[in-house]
Amino acid sequence: EAYVVIWASDDLQYHGGGVTHSTAYNFYHNKMAARIAKLIGEDTTNYEQEAELIAKSLRQNLWVEKGWFGEFK
């Protein structure tokens, strides 16, 4: 997923694992989709639930106990 959202330079190799920057993009875009859905009178539930699941997964899988997110797992 990382290759879709960034310019894969400097020999980035994640081997198919989850990475923080693309996870953050997915979270943000679901939050924005919920805002847009609300503005046009559509149901926001799916976007809000997806954003919450993404945030939960990010905290569970990529949080480093030293106080920041790791880049890759």
Protein backbone atom coordinates (compact mmCIF):
# COMPACT_ATOMS: atom_id res chain seq x y z
CA GLU A 1 0.00 0.00 0.00
CA ALA A 2 2.88 2.39 0.62
CA TYR A 3 3.81 2.59 -3.04
CA VAL A 4 0.38 3.99 -3.92
CA VAL A 5 0.64 7.07 -1.68
CA ILE A 6 4.29 8.11 -1.88
CA TRP A 7 7.12 8.39 -4.34
CA ALA A 8 9.02 5.19 -3.63
CA SER A 9 12.53 6.51 -3.74
CA ASP A 10 15.64 5.87 -1.67
CA ASP A 11 15.14 2.11 -1.85
CA LEU A 12 12.01 1.97 0.33
CA GLN A 13 11.12 -1.64 0.98
CA TYR A 14 8.21 -2.54 3.24
CA HIS A 15 7.58 -6.07 1.94
CA GLY A 16 3.79 -5.71 2.06
CA GLY A 17 3.48 -4.70 5.71
CA GLY A 18 1.46 -1.85 7.17
CA VAL A 19 3.11 1.54 7.30
CA THR A 20 2.21 4.66 9.24
CA HIS A 21 2.04 7.22 6.44
CA SER A 22 -0.40 5.30 4.24
CA THR A 23 -2.47 4.31 7.28
CA ALA A 24 -2.69 7.99 8.24
CA TYR A 25 -3.80 8.88 4.71
CA ASN A 26 -6.55 6.25 4.85
CA PHE A 27 -7.71 7.52 8.24
CA TYR A 28 -7.78 11.13 7.03
CA HIS A 29 -9.68 10.32 3.85
CA ASN A 30 -12.34 8.37 5.71
CA LYS A 31 -12.77 11.28 8.14
CA MET A 32 -13.10 13.69 5.22
CA ALA A 33 -15.56 11.39 3.43
CA ALA A 34 -17.69 11.42 6.59
CA ARG A 35 -17.63 15.23 6.64
CA ILE A 36 -18.65 15.42 2.99
CA ALA A 37 -21.38 12.81 3.48
CA LYS A 38 -22.79 14.86 6.35
CA LEU A 39 -22.74 18.04 4.25
CA ILE A 40 -24.74 16.41 1.46
CA GLY A 41 -27.14 14.65 3.81
CA GLU A 42 -25.82 11.12 3.42
CA ASP A 43 -25.13 8.51 6.10
CA THR A 44 -21.68 8.92 7.65
CA THR A 45 -21.64 5.69 9.65
CA ASN A 46 -19.46 3.57 7.36
CA TYR A 47 -16.79 6.24 6.99
CA GLU A 48 -16.72 7.02 10.70
CA GLN A 49 -16.51 3.33 11.64
CA GLU A 50 -13.72 2.71 9.14
CA ALA A 51 -11.76 5.71 10.43
CA GLU A 52 -12.09 4.45 14.01
CA LEU A 53 -10.95 0.95 13.04
CA ILE A 54 -7.95 2.40 11.21
CA ALA A 55 -7.01 4.57 14.22
CA LYS A 56 -7.40 1.62 16.58
CA SER A 57 -5.23 -0.59 14.41
CA LEU A 58 -2.59 2.13 14.10
CA ARG A 59 -2.43 2.49 17.89
CA GLN A 60 -2.31 -1.29 18.43
CA ASN A 61 0.22 -2.16 15.75
CA LEU A 62 2.50 0.79 15.13
CA TRP A 63 2.65 2.70 18.43
CA VAL A 64 6.13 2.68 19.97
CA GLU A 65 6.16 2.86 23.76
CA LYS A 66 8.67 5.72 23.58
CA GLY A 67 5.89 8.08 22.53
CA TRP A 68 5.60 7.98 18.75
CA PHE A 69 4.45 5.79 15.88
CA GLY A 70 6.83 3.42 14.20
CA GLU A 71 7.06 3.66 10.42
CA PHE A 72 6.76 -0.03 9.60
CA LYS A 73 5.95 -3.34 11.18
